[in-house]
């Protein structure tokens, strides 16, 4: 089991990676939800229920991944 501090650090690294690669990811996984672990996509699906099932089938602990939703690649997002 991963410590809370290591999980936080890992999530932060994955979030930075996600933000740096968001356009590439939006082009490939538009309108999907992705699970990220160690700077890579470990699962993707159109809804969270299916994504969680995929992670379970792969033996990936859902509490140890960063889950993000991707808008269509041609959509502008204002934060």
PDB file of N, CA and C in Angstrom:
ATOM      1  N   UNK A   1       0.839  -1.180   0.000  1.00  0.00           N
ATOM      2  CA  UNK A   1       0.000   0.000   0.000  1.00  0.00           C
ATOM      3  C   UNK A   1       0.888   1.248   0.000  1.00  0.00           C
ATOM      4  N   UNK A   2       0.480   2.233  -0.715  1.00  0.00           N
ATOM      5  CA  UNK A   2       1.229   3.471  -0.877  1.00  0.00           C
ATOM      6  C   UNK A   2       0.872   4.425   0.269  1.00  0.00           C
ATOM      7  N   UNK A   3       1.880   5.109   0.815  1.00  0.00           N
ATOM      8  CA  UNK A   3       1.617   6.079   1.878  1.00  0.00           C
ATOM      9  C   UNK A   3       0.857   7.276   1.315  1.00  0.00           C
ATOM     10  N   UNK A   4       0.174   7.968   2.203  1.00  0.00           N
ATOM     11  CA  UNK A   4      -0.589   9.144   1.781  1.00  0.00           C
ATOM     12  C   UNK A   4       0.307  10.200   1.141  1.00  0.00           C
ATOM     13  N   UNK A   5       1.480  10.397   1.714  1.00  0.00           N
ATOM     14  CA  UNK A   5       2.402  11.401   1.174  1.00  0.00           C
ATOM     15  C   UNK A   5       2.885  11.016  -0.222  1.00  0.00           C
ATOM     16  N   UNK A   6       3.242   9.756  -0.418  1.00  0.00           N
ATOM     17  CA  UNK A   6       3.688   9.312  -1.742  1.00  0.00           C
ATOM     18  C   UNK A   6       2.543   9.384  -2.754  1.00  0.00           C
ATOM     19  N   UNK A   7       1.341   9.050  -2.320  1.00  0.00           N
ATOM     20  CA  UNK A   7       0.179   9.144  -3.205  1.00  0.00           C
ATOM     21  C   UNK A   7      -0.055  10.593  -3.622  1.00  0.00           C
ATOM     22  N   UNK A   8       0.085  11.509  -2.694  1.00  0.00           N
ATOM     23  CA  UNK A   8      -0.069  12.934  -3.000  1.00  0.00           C
ATOM     24  C   UNK A   8       0.993  13.402  -3.987  1.00  0.00           C
ATOM     25  N   UNK A   9       2.234  13.006  -3.759  1.00  0.00           N
ATOM     26  CA  UNK A   9       3.327  13.391  -4.668  1.00  0.00           C
ATOM     27  C   UNK A   9       3.129  12.795  -6.062  1.00  0.00           C
ATOM     28  N   UNK A  10       2.720  11.546  -6.114  1.00  0.00           N
ATOM     29  CA  UNK A  10       2.478  10.879  -7.393  1.00  0.00           C
ATOM     30  C   UNK A  10       1.344  11.558  -8.153  1.00  0.00           C
ATOM     31  N   UNK A  11       0.277  11.891  -7.436  1.00  0.00           N
ATOM     32  CA  UNK A  11      -0.858  12.577  -8.077  1.00  0.00           C
ATOM     33  C   UNK A  11      -0.447  13.939  -8.609  1.00  0.00           C
ATOM     34  N   UNK A  12       0.394  14.628  -7.861  1.00  0.00           N
ATOM     35  CA  UNK A  12       0.868  15.938  -8.311  1.00  0.00           C
ATOM     36  C   UNK A  12       1.703  15.806  -9.581  1.00  0.00           C
ATOM     37  N   UNK A  13       2.601  14.822  -9.625  1.00  0.00           N
ATOM     38  CA  UNK A  13       3.408  14.599 -10.836  1.00  0.00           C
ATOM     39  C   UNK A  13       2.497  14.250 -12.022  1.00  0.00           C
ATOM     40  N   UNK A  14       1.503  13.417 -11.772  1.00  0.00           N
ATOM     41  CA  UNK A  14       0.595  13.022 -12.850  1.00  0.00           C
ATOM     42  C   UNK A  14      -0.251  14.199 -13.327  1.00  0.00           C
ATOM     43  N   UNK A  15      -0.650  15.070 -12.415  1.00  0.00           N
ATOM     44  CA  UNK A  15      -1.427  16.243 -12.802  1.00  0.00           C
ATOM     45  C   UNK A  15      -0.594  17.200 -13.650  1.00  0.00           C
ATOM     46  N   UNK A  16       0.651  17.397 -13.281  1.00  0.00           N
ATOM     47  CA  UNK A  16       1.554  18.241 -14.078  1.00  0.00           C
ATOM     48  C   UNK A  16       1.696  17.631 -15.472  1.00  0.00           C
ATOM     49  N   UNK A  17       1.919  16.323 -15.537  1.00  0.00           N
ATOM     50  CA  UNK A  17       2.053  15.635 -16.830  1.00  0.00           C
ATOM     51  C   UNK A  17       0.770  15.788 -17.646  1.00  0.00           C
ATOM     52  N   UNK A  18      -0.381  15.628 -16.998  1.00  0.00           N
ATOM     53  CA  UNK A  18      -1.667  15.783 -17.683  1.00  0.00           C
ATOM     54  C   UNK A  18      -1.797  17.185 -18.271  1.00  0.00           C
ATOM     55  N   UNK A  19      -1.486  18.195 -17.488  1.00  0.00           N
ATOM     56  CA  UNK A  19      -1.597  19.576 -17.970  1.00  0.00           C
ATOM     57  C   UNK A  19      -0.628  19.861 -19.116  1.00  0.00           C
ATOM     58  N   UNK A  20       0.580  19.340 -19.030  1.00  0.00           N
ATOM     59  CA  UNK A  20       1.567  19.544 -20.086  1.00  0.00           C
ATOM     60  C   UNK A  20       1.183  18.841 -21.382  1.00  0.00           C
ATOM     61  N   UNK A  21       0.417  17.774 -21.295  1.00  0.00           N
ATOM     62  CA  UNK A  21       0.056  16.970 -22.462  1.00  0.00           C
ATOM     63  C   UNK A  21      -1.431  17.021 -22.778  1.00  0.00           C
ATOM     64  N   UNK A  22      -2.122  17.996 -22.229  1.00  0.00           N
ATOM     65  CA  UNK A  22      -3.577  18.023 -22.351  1.00  0.00           C
ATOM     66  C   UNK A  22      -4.075  18.084 -23.796  1.00  0.00           C
ATOM     67  N   UNK A  23      -3.416  18.833 -24.657  1.00  0.00           N
ATOM     68  CA  UNK A  23      -3.896  18.912 -26.044  1.00  0.00           C
ATOM     69  C   UNK A  23      -3.745  17.576 -26.768  1.00  0.00           C
ATOM     70  N   UNK A  24      -2.627  16.927 -26.595  1.00  0.00           N
ATOM     71  CA  UNK A  24      -2.408  15.606 -27.205  1.00  0.00           C
ATOM     72  C   UNK A  24      -3.427  14.613 -26.672  1.00  0.00           C
ATOM     73  N   UNK A  25      -3.660  14.657 -25.363  1.00  0.00           N
ATOM     74  CA  UNK A  25      -4.625  13.742 -24.749  1.00  0.00           C
ATOM     75  C   UNK A  25      -6.042  14.045 -25.211  1.00  0.00           C
ATOM     76  N   UNK A  26      -6.381  15.333 -25.353  1.00  0.00           N
ATOM     77  CA  UNK A  26      -7.718  15.705 -25.839  1.00  0.00           C
ATOM     78  C   UNK A  26      -7.930  15.216 -27.269  1.00  0.00           C
ATOM     79  N   UNK A  27      -6.888  15.275 -28.084  1.00  0.00           N
ATOM     80  CA  UNK A  27      -7.009  14.791 -29.463  1.00  0.00           C
ATOM     81  C   UNK A  27      -7.262  13.282 -29.497  1.00  0.00           C
ATOM     82  N   UNK A  28      -6.628  12.564 -28.598  1.00  0.00           N
ATOM     83  CA  UNK A  28      -6.723  11.104 -28.596  1.00  0.00           C
ATOM     84  C   UNK A  28      -7.911  10.571 -27.789  1.00  0.00           C
ATOM     85  N   UNK A  29      -8.244  11.250 -26.688  1.00  0.00           N
ATOM     86  CA  UNK A  29      -9.271  10.737 -25.777  1.00  0.00           C
ATOM     87  C   UNK A  29     -10.413  11.736 -25.580  1.00  0.00           C
ATOM     88  N   UNK A  30     -10.773  12.478 -26.621  1.00  0.00           N
ATOM     89  CA  UNK A  30     -11.828  13.487 -26.521  1.00  0.00           C
ATOM     90  C   UNK A  30     -13.119  12.886 -25.978  1.00  0.00           C
ATOM     91  N   UNK A  31     -13.739  13.629 -25.084  1.00  0.00           N
ATOM     92  CA  UNK A  31     -15.013  13.254 -24.478  1.00  0.00           C
ATOM     93  C   UNK A  31     -14.948  11.939 -23.702  1.00  0.00           C
ATOM     94  N   UNK A  32     -13.790  11.650 -23.145  1.00  0.00           N
ATOM     95  CA  UNK A  32     -13.627  10.451 -22.332  1.00  0.00           C
ATOM     96  C   UNK A  32     -13.070  10.822 -20.966  1.00  0.00           C
ATOM     97  N   UNK A  33     -13.135   9.863 -20.071  1.00  0.00           N
ATOM     98  CA  UNK A  33     -12.527   9.994 -18.758  1.00  0.00           C
ATOM     99  C   UNK A  33     -11.306   9.088 -18.772  1.00  0.00           C
ATOM    100  N   UNK A  34     -10.178   9.613 -18.296  1.00  0.00           N
ATOM    101  CA  UNK A  34      -8.942   8.835 -18.304  1.00  0.00           C
ATOM    102  C   UNK A  34      -8.429   8.651 -16.883  1.00  0.00           C
ATOM    103  N   UNK A  35      -7.765   7.530 -16.674  1.00  0.00           N
ATOM    104  CA  UNK A  35      -7.079   7.264 -15.413  1.00  0.00           C
ATOM    105  C   UNK A  35      -5.590   7.327 -15.702  1.00  0.00           C
ATOM    106  N   UNK A  36      -4.873   8.093 -14.889  1.00  0.00           N
ATOM    107  CA  UNK A  36      -3.451   8.326 -15.103  1.00  0.00           C
ATOM    108  C   UNK A  36      -2.674   7.804 -13.901  1.00  0.00           C
ATOM    109  N   UNK A  37      -1.612   7.071 -14.201  1.00  0.00           N
ATOM    110  CA  UNK A  37      -0.715   6.588 -13.151  1.00  0.00           C
ATOM    111  C   UNK A  37       0.693   6.587 -13.711  1.00  0.00           C
ATOM    112  N   UNK A  38       1.611   7.160 -12.975  1.00  0.00           N
ATOM    113  CA  UNK A  38       3.021   7.228 -13.385  1.00  0.00           C
ATOM    114  C   UNK A  38       3.184   7.836 -14.775  1.00  0.00           C
ATOM    115  N   UNK A  39       2.469   8.928 -14.994  1.00  0.00           N
ATOM    116  CA  UNK A  39       2.552   9.701 -16.243  1.00  0.00           C
ATOM    117  C   UNK A  39       2.146   8.904 -17.478  1.00  0.00           C
ATOM    118  N   UNK A  40       1.198   8.013 -17.318  1.00  0.00           N
ATOM    119  CA  UNK A  40       0.665   7.301 -18.479  1.00  0.00           C
ATOM    120  C   UNK A  40      -0.814   6.973 -18.248  1.00  0.00           C
ATOM    121  N   UNK A  41      -1.511   6.790 -19.342  1.00  0.00           N
ATOM    122  CA  UNK A  41      -2.924   6.454 -19.285  1.00  0.00           C
ATOM    123  C   UNK A  41      -3.045   4.952 -19.016  1.00  0.00           C
ATOM    124  N   UNK A  42      -3.712   4.608 -17.914  1.00  0.00           N
ATOM    125  CA  UNK A  42      -3.879   3.190 -17.577  1.00  0.00           C
ATOM    126  C   UNK A  42      -5.301   2.704 -17.858  1.00  0.00           C
ATOM    127  N   UNK A  43      -6.183   3.629 -18.255  1.00  0.00           N
ATOM    128  CA  UNK A  43      -7.542   3.260 -18.624  1.00  0.00           C
ATOM    129  C   UNK A  43      -8.284   4.473 -19.138  1.00  0.00           C
ATOM    130  N   UNK A  44      -9.246   4.217 -19.992  1.00  0.00           N
ATOM    131  CA  UNK A  44     -10.093   5.292 -20.510  1.00  0.00           C
ATOM    132  C   UNK A  44     -11.459   4.726 -20.883  1.00  0.00           C
ATOM    133  N   UNK A  45     -12.488   5.576 -20.741  1.00  0.00           N
ATOM    134  CA  UNK A  45     -13.858   5.154 -21.049  1.00  0.00           C
ATOM    135  C   UNK A  45     -14.738   6.388 -21.183  1.00  0.00           C
ATOM    136  N   UNK A  46     -15.933   6.180 -21.686  1.00  0.00           N
ATOM    137  CA  UNK A  46     -16.890   7.277 -21.858  1.00  0.00           C
ATOM    138  C   UNK A  46     -17.591   7.649 -20.558  1.00  0.00           C
ATOM    139  N   UNK A  47     -17.606   6.733 -19.565  1.00  0.00           N
ATOM    140  CA  UNK A  47     -18.195   7.077 -18.275  1.00  0.00           C
ATOM    141  C   UNK A  47     -17.403   6.431 -17.140  1.00  0.00           C
ATOM    142  N   UNK A  48     -17.591   6.980 -15.954  1.00  0.00           N
ATOM    143  CA  UNK A  48     -16.787   6.571 -14.806  1.00  0.00           C
ATOM    144  C   UNK A  48     -17.053   5.121 -14.411  1.00  0.00           C
ATOM    145  N   UNK A  49     -18.275   4.664 -14.535  1.00  0.00           N
ATOM    146  CA  UNK A  49     -18.598   3.287 -14.159  1.00  0.00           C
ATOM    147  C   UNK A  49     -17.795   2.283 -14.994  1.00  0.00           C
ATOM    148  N   UNK A  50     -17.730   2.521 -16.276  1.00  0.00           N
ATOM    149  CA  UNK A  50     -16.959   1.626 -17.160  1.00  0.00           C
ATOM    150  C   UNK A  50     -15.464   1.754 -16.873  1.00  0.00           C
ATOM    151  N   UNK A  51     -14.993   2.980 -16.637  1.00  0.00           N
ATOM    152  CA  UNK A  51     -13.578   3.176 -16.335  1.00  0.00           C
ATOM    153  C   UNK A  51     -13.182   2.411 -15.074  1.00  0.00           C
ATOM    154  N   UNK A  52     -13.988   2.491 -14.045  1.00  0.00           N
ATOM    155  CA  UNK A  52     -13.676   1.775 -12.805  1.00  0.00           C
ATOM    156  C   UNK A  52     -13.669   0.265 -13.018  1.00  0.00           C
ATOM    157  N   UNK A  53     -14.557  -0.223 -13.872  1.00  0.00           N
ATOM    158  CA  UNK A  53     -14.574  -1.652 -14.197  1.00  0.00           C
ATOM    159  C   UNK A  53     -13.281  -2.048 -14.925  1.00  0.00           C
ATOM    160  N   UNK A  54     -12.845  -1.215 -15.864  1.00  0.00           N
ATOM    161  CA  UNK A  54     -11.604  -1.472 -16.602  1.00  0.00           C
ATOM    162  C   UNK A  54     -10.415  -1.511 -15.651  1.00  0.00           C
ATOM    163  N   UNK A  55     -10.358  -0.559 -14.729  1.00  0.00           N
ATOM    164  CA  UNK A  55      -9.253  -0.527 -13.769  1.00  0.00           C
ATOM    165  C   UNK A  55      -9.248  -1.782 -12.905  1.00  0.00           C
ATOM    166  N   UNK A  56     -10.424  -2.187 -12.466  1.00  0.00           N
ATOM    167  CA  UNK A  56     -10.523  -3.400 -11.647  1.00  0.00           C
ATOM    168  C   UNK A  56     -10.040  -4.619 -12.422  1.00  0.00           C
ATOM    169  N   UNK A  57     -10.450  -4.736 -13.689  1.00  0.00           N
ATOM    170  CA  UNK A  57     -10.033  -5.866 -14.524  1.00  0.00           C
ATOM    171  C   UNK A  57      -8.517  -5.885 -14.732  1.00  0.00           C
ATOM    172  N   UNK A  58      -7.901  -4.710 -14.765  1.00  0.00           N
ATOM    173  CA  UNK A  58      -6.451  -4.604 -14.946  1.00  0.00           C
ATOM    174  C   UNK A  58      -5.694  -4.748 -13.625  1.00  0.00           C
ATOM    175  N   UNK A  59      -6.415  -4.806 -12.521  1.00  0.00           N
ATOM    176  CA  UNK A  59      -5.770  -4.909 -11.226  1.00  0.00           C
ATOM    177  C   UNK A  59      -5.175  -3.602 -10.743  1.00  0.00           C
ATOM    178  N   UNK A  60      -5.702  -2.480 -11.248  1.00  0.00           N
ATOM    179  CA  UNK A  60      -5.208  -1.159 -10.864  1.00  0.00           C
ATOM    180  C   UNK A  60      -6.097  -0.624  -9.742  1.00  0.00           C
ATOM    181  N   UNK A  61      -5.481  -0.243  -8.643  1.00  0.00           N
ATOM    182  CA  UNK A  61      -6.211   0.309  -7.506  1.00  0.00           C
ATOM    183  C   UNK A  61      -6.705   1.706  -7.861  1.00  0.00           C
ATOM    184  N   UNK A  62      -8.013   1.887  -7.875  1.00  0.00           N
ATOM    185  CA  UNK A  62      -8.589   3.172  -8.285  1.00  0.00           C
ATOM    186  C   UNK A  62      -8.189   4.317  -7.358  1.00  0.00           C
ATOM    187  N   UNK A  63      -7.801   4.011  -6.138  1.00  0.00           N
ATOM    188  CA  UNK A  63      -7.391   5.059  -5.202  1.00  0.00           C
ATOM    189  C   UNK A  63      -5.968   5.549  -5.473  1.00  0.00           C
ATOM    190  N   UNK A  64      -5.260   4.869  -6.371  1.00  0.00           N
ATOM    191  CA  UNK A  64      -3.875   5.236  -6.667  1.00  0.00           C
ATOM    192  C   UNK A  64      -3.703   5.832  -8.054  1.00  0.00           C
ATOM    193  N   UNK A  65      -4.810   6.274  -8.670  1.00  0.00           N
ATOM    194  CA  UNK A  65      -4.728   6.894  -9.995  1.00  0.00           C
ATOM    195  C   UNK A  65      -5.362   8.280  -9.955  1.00  0.00           C
ATOM    196  N   UNK A  66      -4.943   9.107 -10.873  1.00  0.00           N
ATOM    197  CA  UNK A  66      -5.558  10.409 -11.082  1.00  0.00           C
ATOM    198  C   UNK A  66      -6.610  10.230 -12.168  1.00  0.00           C
ATOM    199  N   UNK A  67      -7.824  10.670 -11.911  1.00  0.00           N
ATOM    200  CA  UNK A  67      -8.891  10.532 -12.896  1.00  0.00           C
ATOM    201  C   UNK A  67      -9.276  11.927 -13.388  1.00  0.00           C
ATOM    202  N   UNK A  68      -9.238  12.089 -14.712  1.00  0.00           N
ATOM    203  CA  UNK A  68      -9.541  13.377 -15.344  1.00  0.00           C
ATOM    204  C   UNK A  68     -10.491  13.183 -16.513  1.00  0.00           C
ATOM    205  N   UNK A  69     -11.306  14.184 -16.750  1.00  0.00           N
ATOM    206  CA  UNK A  69     -12.235  14.185 -17.873  1.00  0.00           C
ATOM    207  C   UNK A  69     -11.671  15.069 -18.979  1.00  0.00           C
ATOM    208  N   UNK A  70     -11.830  14.622 -20.220  1.00  0.00           N
ATOM    209  CA  UNK A  70     -11.296  15.384 -21.353  1.00  0.00           C
ATOM    210  C   UNK A  70     -12.436  15.896 -22.237  1.00  0.00           C
ATOM    211  N   UNK A  71     -12.411  17.179 -22.482  1.00  0.00           N
ATOM    212  CA  UNK A  71     -13.398  17.814 -23.354  1.00  0.00           C
ATOM    213  C   UNK A  71     -13.042  17.516 -24.809  1.00  0.00           C
ATOM    214  N   UNK A  72     -13.977  17.759 -25.716  1.00  0.00           N
ATOM    215  CA  UNK A  72     -13.659  17.598 -27.137  1.00  0.00           C
ATOM    216  C   UNK A  72     -12.470  18.469 -27.532  1.00  0.00           C
ATOM    217  N   UNK A  73     -11.674  17.998 -28.476  1.00  0.00           N
ATOM    218  CA  UNK A  73     -10.439  18.707 -28.852  1.00  0.00           C
ATOM    219  C   UNK A  73     -10.709  20.080 -29.473  1.00  0.00           C
ATOM    220  N   UNK A  74     -11.885  20.310 -29.993  1.00  0.00           N
ATOM    221  CA  UNK A  74     -12.194  21.596 -30.628  1.00  0.00           C
ATOM    222  C   UNK A  74     -12.940  22.551 -29.696  1.00  0.00           C
ATOM    223  N   UNK A  75     -13.069  22.184 -28.444  1.00  0.00           N
ATOM    224  CA  UNK A  75     -13.795  23.000 -27.470  1.00  0.00           C
ATOM    225  C   UNK A  75     -12.811  23.824 -26.651  1.00  0.00           C
ATOM    226  N   UNK A  76     -13.152  25.087 -26.419  1.00  0.00           N
ATOM    227  CA  UNK A  76     -12.313  25.966 -25.617  1.00  0.00           C
ATOM    228  C   UNK A  76     -12.784  25.901 -24.170  1.00  0.00           C
ATOM    229  N   UNK A  77     -11.829  25.731 -23.266  1.00  0.00           N
ATOM    230  CA  UNK A  77     -12.147  25.643 -21.855  1.00  0.00           C
ATOM    231  C   UNK A  77     -11.616  26.900 -21.161  1.00  0.00           C
ATOM    232  N   UNK A  78     -12.488  27.580 -20.438  1.00  0.00           N
ATOM    233  CA  UNK A  78     -12.088  28.773 -19.693  1.00  0.00           C
ATOM    234  C   UNK A  78     -12.202  28.434 -18.215  1.00  0.00           C
ATOM    235  N   UNK A  79     -11.085  28.591 -17.525  1.00  0.00           N
ATOM    236  CA  UNK A  79     -11.067  28.289 -16.079  1.00  0.00           C
ATOM    237  C   UNK A  79     -11.111  29.553 -15.266  1.00  0.00           C
TER     238      UNK A  79
END
